[in-house]
């Protein structure tokens, strides 16, 4: 309550939206019945922030809250409110002691991580979302302005287990995108056991397709490299590959 009062007090010193809005990019995940899985919340435009509060919601009939942690912010003592997790709501509240400069996180850095377990059945899905209830969304910078908060993605879907009748069709597919932070060269490595007429698709954080190119996947290790320096502006992007067994995705940051 003391932190909430402090954050609201800071808000009244600058009750206007100003500057670039921090953005949370929820992952889209396919999970299995009974799975435990983790959701990290990468942020963008988290610059000179002195206080954050919001509510995170999901459908408790599809996934169940297990725990939350891994907060990448200083002075983050007990920032989570778990009173409503059984009904699908987790609250988050953080205020820094350094209100003169605030805290800046690198683009793509994880704000915190939430752990869930699936309780629904095959075909069920739920959105992860930032909401105003019960904790209103407030994000304050070091000028006392409420810069707001946006979010993207966040579809969790329960899929059929992969059949074990055919060992080739059941073999794992490994995707690696590197370097995570690049100035020009992007490498995509994917290992599979069968032929797939696929493509390399790159999406912006707003969900727009910004690059696509066909890619014939062969059994074994496949490597695809591209100089993206002249193709894309600076920012964080998602790489999506159709592996023939579903979509695999990863993220990278282009920073010259």
Protein backbone atom coordinates (compact mmCIF):
# COMPACT_ATOMS: atom_id res chain seq x y z
CA UNK A 1 0.00 0.00 0.00
CA UNK A 2 2.90 2.38 0.73
CA UNK A 3 4.37 1.72 -2.70
CA UNK A 4 0.97 2.20 -4.33
CA UNK A 5 0.53 5.51 -2.54
CA UNK A 6 4.02 6.61 -3.62
CA UNK A 7 3.38 5.67 -7.23
CA UNK A 8 0.04 7.49 -7.27
CA UNK A 9 1.67 10.53 -5.63
CA UNK A 10 4.34 10.59 -8.30
CA UNK A 11 1.65 10.31 -10.95
CA UNK A 12 -0.08 13.48 -9.82
CA UNK A 13 3.14 15.43 -10.43
CA UNK A 14 2.82 14.70 -14.15
CA UNK A 15 -0.52 13.27 -15.20
CA UNK A 16 0.10 13.29 -18.92
CA UNK A 17 1.25 10.66 -21.39
CA UNK A 18 4.67 11.66 -22.69
CA UNK A 19 7.57 10.03 -24.49
CA UNK A 20 7.79 6.59 -26.07
CA UNK A 21 5.59 4.01 -24.38
CA UNK A 22 7.22 0.93 -22.90
CA UNK A 23 5.97 -2.20 -24.64
CA UNK A 24 5.64 -5.77 -23.33
CA UNK A 25 5.80 -8.57 -25.92
CA UNK A 26 4.12 -11.74 -24.67
CA UNK A 27 5.23 -14.94 -26.42
CA UNK A 28 2.76 -17.11 -28.33
CA UNK A 29 3.17 -20.68 -27.08
CA UNK A 30 1.84 -24.12 -27.97
CA UNK A 31 1.77 -26.32 -24.86
CA UNK A 32 0.51 -29.79 -23.94
CA UNK A 33 -2.05 -31.01 -21.42
CA UNK A 34 -0.49 -31.07 -17.95
CA UNK A 35 2.60 -29.11 -19.05
CA UNK A 36 4.39 -26.67 -16.79
CA UNK A 37 5.86 -23.76 -18.73
CA UNK A 38 7.31 -20.29 -18.21
CA UNK A 39 6.43 -16.96 -19.77
CA UNK A 40 9.05 -14.22 -19.80
CA UNK A 41 7.92 -10.63 -20.41
CA UNK A 42 10.44 -8.88 -22.74
CA UNK A 43 10.18 -5.08 -22.73
CA UNK A 44 11.02 -2.37 -25.23
CA UNK A 45 11.30 1.43 -24.72
CA UNK A 46 11.78 0.97 -20.97
CA UNK A 47 13.74 4.21 -20.49
CA UNK A 48 14.27 6.22 -17.28
CA UNK A 49 11.34 4.54 -15.56
CA UNK A 50 10.82 5.19 -11.83
CA UNK A 51 7.59 3.24 -11.21
CA UNK A 52 5.41 0.59 -12.78
CA UNK A 53 2.12 -1.00 -11.84
CA UNK A 54 -0.34 -3.11 -13.84
CA UNK A 55 -2.48 -6.25 -13.78
CA UNK A 56 -1.77 -9.33 -15.89
CA UNK A 57 -4.70 -11.62 -16.75
CA UNK A 58 -5.37 -15.05 -18.27
CA UNK A 59 -8.14 -17.67 -18.33
CA UNK A 60 -7.74 -19.81 -15.17
CA UNK A 61 -9.76 -22.62 -16.77
CA UNK A 62 -6.96 -23.08 -19.33
CA UNK A 63 -3.75 -22.33 -17.40
CA UNK A 64 -3.04 -22.11 -13.68
CA UNK A 65 -0.58 -19.81 -11.91
CA UNK A 66 2.37 -21.55 -10.23
CA UNK A 67 4.80 -18.76 -9.30
CA UNK A 68 6.41 -15.51 -10.46
CA UNK A 69 9.94 -14.17 -10.09
CA UNK A 70 13.12 -13.20 -11.90
CA UNK A 71 12.45 -9.46 -11.70
CA UNK A 72 15.21 -7.54 -13.53
CA UNK A 73 14.70 -4.33 -11.55
CA UNK A 74 16.41 -3.01 -8.40
CA UNK A 75 14.49 -2.63 -5.14
CA UNK A 76 12.00 -5.24 -6.34
CA UNK A 77 11.04 -6.62 -2.94
CA UNK A 78 7.72 -8.53 -3.12
CA UNK A 79 6.43 -6.78 -6.27
CA UNK A 80 3.69 -9.34 -7.00
CA UNK A 81 0.14 -9.44 -5.69
CA UNK A 82 -1.19 -13.03 -5.73
CA UNK A 83 -4.57 -12.47 -4.06
CA UNK A 84 -6.43 -13.00 -7.34
CA UNK A 85 -4.29 -15.61 -9.14
CA UNK A 86 -6.96 -18.32 -8.72
CA UNK A 87 -9.29 -16.16 -10.83
CA UNK A 88 -6.57 -15.45 -13.40
CA UNK A 89 -5.03 -12.14 -12.30
CA UNK A 90 -1.53 -11.26 -11.09
CA UNK A 91 -0.71 -7.70 -10.04
CA UNK A 92 2.73 -6.09 -10.30
CA UNK A 93 3.98 -2.99 -8.48
CA UNK A 94 7.51 -1.57 -8.45
CA UNK A 95 9.04 1.79 -7.51
CA UNK A 96 12.74 2.63 -7.64
CA UNK A 97 14.54 4.53 -4.93
CA UNK A 98 16.31 6.57 -7.62
CA UNK A 99 13.56 8.86 -8.90
CA UNK A 100 16.05 11.34 -10.39
CA UNK A 101 17.27 9.16 -13.27
CA UNK A 102 15.04 6.08 -13.13
CA UNK A 103 15.88 2.66 -14.58
CA UNK A 104 16.52 1.79 -18.24
CA UNK A 105 16.37 -1.79 -19.59
CA UNK A 106 17.84 -2.99 -22.88
CA UNK A 107 15.39 -3.74 -25.66
CA UNK A 108 14.25 -7.34 -25.31
CA UNK A 109 15.31 -7.69 -21.68
CA UNK A 110 12.96 -9.76 -19.51
CA UNK A 111 11.01 -7.69 -16.99
CA UNK A 112 9.98 -10.77 -15.01
CA UNK A 113 8.91 -14.39 -15.53
CA UNK A 114 5.66 -16.16 -14.66
CA UNK A 115 5.36 -19.95 -14.33
CA UNK A 116 2.11 -21.74 -15.25
CA UNK A 117 0.60 -25.22 -15.56
CA UNK A 118 -2.00 -26.19 -18.13
CA UNK A 119 -5.33 -27.32 -16.68
CA UNK A 120 -7.43 -27.17 -19.85
CA UNK A 121 -7.78 -29.74 -22.62
CA UNK A 122 -6.60 -29.99 -26.24
CA UNK A 123 -7.99 -27.12 -28.30
CA UNK A 124 -8.32 -24.71 -25.36
CA UNK A 125 -6.50 -21.37 -25.55
CA UNK A 126 -6.12 -18.20 -23.54
CA UNK A 127 -4.74 -14.74 -24.09
CA UNK A 128 -2.22 -13.15 -21.75
CA UNK A 129 -3.02 -9.47 -21.39
CA UNK A 130 -2.18 -6.30 -19.48
CA UNK A 131 -5.29 -4.81 -17.87
CA UNK A 132 -6.33 -1.98 -15.56
CA UNK A 133 -8.09 -4.14 -12.97
CA UNK A 134 -7.62 -4.47 -10.08
CA UNK A 135 -4.36 -2.50 -10.35
CA UNK A 136 -4.55 0.39 -12.86
CA UNK A 137 -1.78 0.66 -15.44
CA UNK A 138 0.72 3.37 -14.46
CA UNK A 139 4.25 3.78 -15.81
CA UNK A 140 6.11 6.86 -14.62
CA UNK A 141 9.39 8.25 -15.93
CA UNK A 142 11.89 10.44 -14.11
CA UNK A 143 10.03 13.57 -15.22
CA UNK A 144 6.95 12.43 -13.36
CA UNK A 145 5.02 11.76 -16.59
CA UNK A 146 2.78 8.75 -17.07
CA UNK A 147 4.16 7.30 -20.31
CA UNK A 148 1.68 4.42 -20.39
CA UNK A 149 2.22 0.81 -21.41
CA UNK A 150 1.36 -1.25 -24.50
CA UNK A 151 1.49 -5.01 -25.03
CA UNK A 152 1.43 -7.51 -27.89
CA UNK A 153 0.96 -11.22 -28.44
CA UNK A 154 0.24 -13.66 -25.65
CA UNK A 155 -1.75 -16.59 -27.08
CA UNK A 156 -1.29 -19.83 -25.13
CA UNK A 157 -2.77 -22.84 -26.94
CA UNK A 158 -3.06 -26.46 -25.79
CA UNK A 159 -2.10 -28.81 -28.64
CA UNK A 160 -2.34 -32.53 -29.34
CA UNK A 161 0.68 -34.54 -28.14
CA UNK A 162 2.92 -35.63 -31.03
CA UNK A 163 2.27 -39.23 -32.04
CA UNK A 164 5.01 -41.68 -31.10
CA UNK A 165 4.09 -44.20 -33.82
CA UNK A 166 6.65 -42.83 -36.27
CA UNK A 167 10.06 -42.09 -34.68
CA UNK A 168 11.03 -39.78 -37.57
CA UNK A 169 7.88 -37.68 -37.27
CA UNK A 170 8.37 -37.56 -33.49
CA UNK A 171 11.99 -36.38 -33.59
CA UNK A 172 12.66 -32.93 -32.11
CA UNK A 173 13.29 -29.83 -34.22
CA UNK A 174 15.88 -27.39 -32.87
CA UNK A 175 15.96 -23.71 -33.83
CA UNK A 176 18.77 -21.30 -33.02
CA UNK A 177 18.87 -17.61 -34.05
CA UNK A 178 22.11 -15.74 -33.41
CA UNK A 179 23.56 -13.35 -32.55
CA UNK A 180 20.70 -12.16 -30.35
CA UNK A 181 22.01 -8.60 -30.67
CA UNK A 182 23.37 -7.94 -34.14
CA UNK A 183 24.52 -4.99 -36.24
CA UNK A 184 24.29 -6.64 -39.65
CA UNK A 185 24.57 -10.45 -39.87
CA UNK A 186 21.78 -12.81 -38.78
CA UNK A 187 22.20 -16.60 -38.65
CA UNK A 188 19.34 -19.07 -38.37
CA UNK A 189 20.17 -22.69 -37.62
CA UNK A 190 17.56 -25.43 -37.68
CA UNK A 191 17.99 -29.18 -37.29
CA UNK A 192 15.35 -31.55 -38.67
CA UNK A 193 15.03 -35.15 -39.90
CA UNK A 194 12.90 -34.59 -43.00
CA UNK A 195 12.43 -32.40 -46.07
CA UNK A 196 10.25 -29.28 -45.65
CA UNK A 197 9.48 -26.51 -48.13
CA UNK A 198 9.52 -23.74 -45.56
CA UNK A 199 10.30 -20.03 -45.38
CA UNK A 200 12.10 -17.52 -43.20
CA UNK A 201 9.64 -14.91 -41.95
CA UNK A 202 10.63 -11.87 -39.91
CA UNK A 203 8.00 -9.84 -38.07
CA UNK A 204 8.15 -6.47 -36.34
CA UNK A 205 6.93 -6.10 -32.75
CA UNK A 206 3.66 -4.74 -34.09
CA UNK A 207 3.09 -8.04 -35.91
CA UNK A 208 3.82 -6.81 -39.45
CA UNK A 209 5.69 -9.13 -41.83
CA UNK A 210 8.84 -7.21 -42.81
CA UNK A 211 10.82 -9.95 -44.59
CA UNK A 212 10.12 -13.36 -46.08
CA UNK A 213 12.17 -15.78 -48.16
CA UNK A 214 11.65 -19.46 -49.14
CA UNK A 215 13.85 -22.02 -47.38
CA UNK A 216 14.08 -25.68 -48.33
CA UNK A 217 14.91 -27.61 -45.15
CA UNK A 218 16.92 -30.78 -45.63
CA UNK A 219 17.44 -33.67 -43.18
CA UNK A 220 20.23 -32.69 -40.81
CA UNK A 221 21.52 -29.26 -39.84
CA UNK A 222 20.35 -26.29 -41.94
CA UNK A 223 22.05 -22.88 -41.77
CA UNK A 224 20.62 -19.70 -43.29
CA UNK A 225 22.50 -16.39 -43.12
CA UNK A 226 21.47 -12.89 -44.18
CA UNK A 227 22.97 -9.44 -44.03
CA UNK A 228 20.04 -7.46 -42.62
CA UNK A 229 21.84 -4.14 -42.11
CA UNK A 230 20.25 -2.51 -45.17
CA UNK A 231 16.94 -4.40 -45.00
CA UNK A 232 15.53 -3.41 -41.59
CA UNK A 233 15.57 -0.44 -39.21
CA UNK A 234 16.87 -0.80 -35.65
CA UNK A 235 14.55 -2.65 -33.30
CA UNK A 236 13.49 -6.03 -31.94
CA UNK A 237 12.10 -8.63 -34.35
CA UNK A 238 10.63 -12.12 -34.30
CA UNK A 239 11.83 -14.90 -36.62
CA UNK A 240 9.17 -17.52 -37.43
CA UNK A 241 9.94 -20.81 -39.23
CA UNK A 242 7.39 -23.39 -40.38
CA UNK A 243 9.17 -26.64 -39.48
CA UNK A 244 6.54 -29.01 -40.85
CA UNK A 245 5.62 -29.88 -37.25
CA UNK A 246 4.41 -26.44 -36.35
CA UNK A 247 5.90 -22.99 -36.02
CA UNK A 248 9.18 -22.28 -34.24
CA UNK A 249 10.05 -18.73 -33.29
CA UNK A 250 12.84 -16.71 -31.74
CA UNK A 251 13.74 -13.04 -31.34
CA UNK A 252 16.70 -10.84 -32.13
CA UNK A 253 17.59 -7.15 -31.80
CA UNK A 254 19.10 -5.13 -34.65
CA UNK A 255 21.20 -2.27 -33.26
CA UNK A 256 23.76 -0.49 -35.40
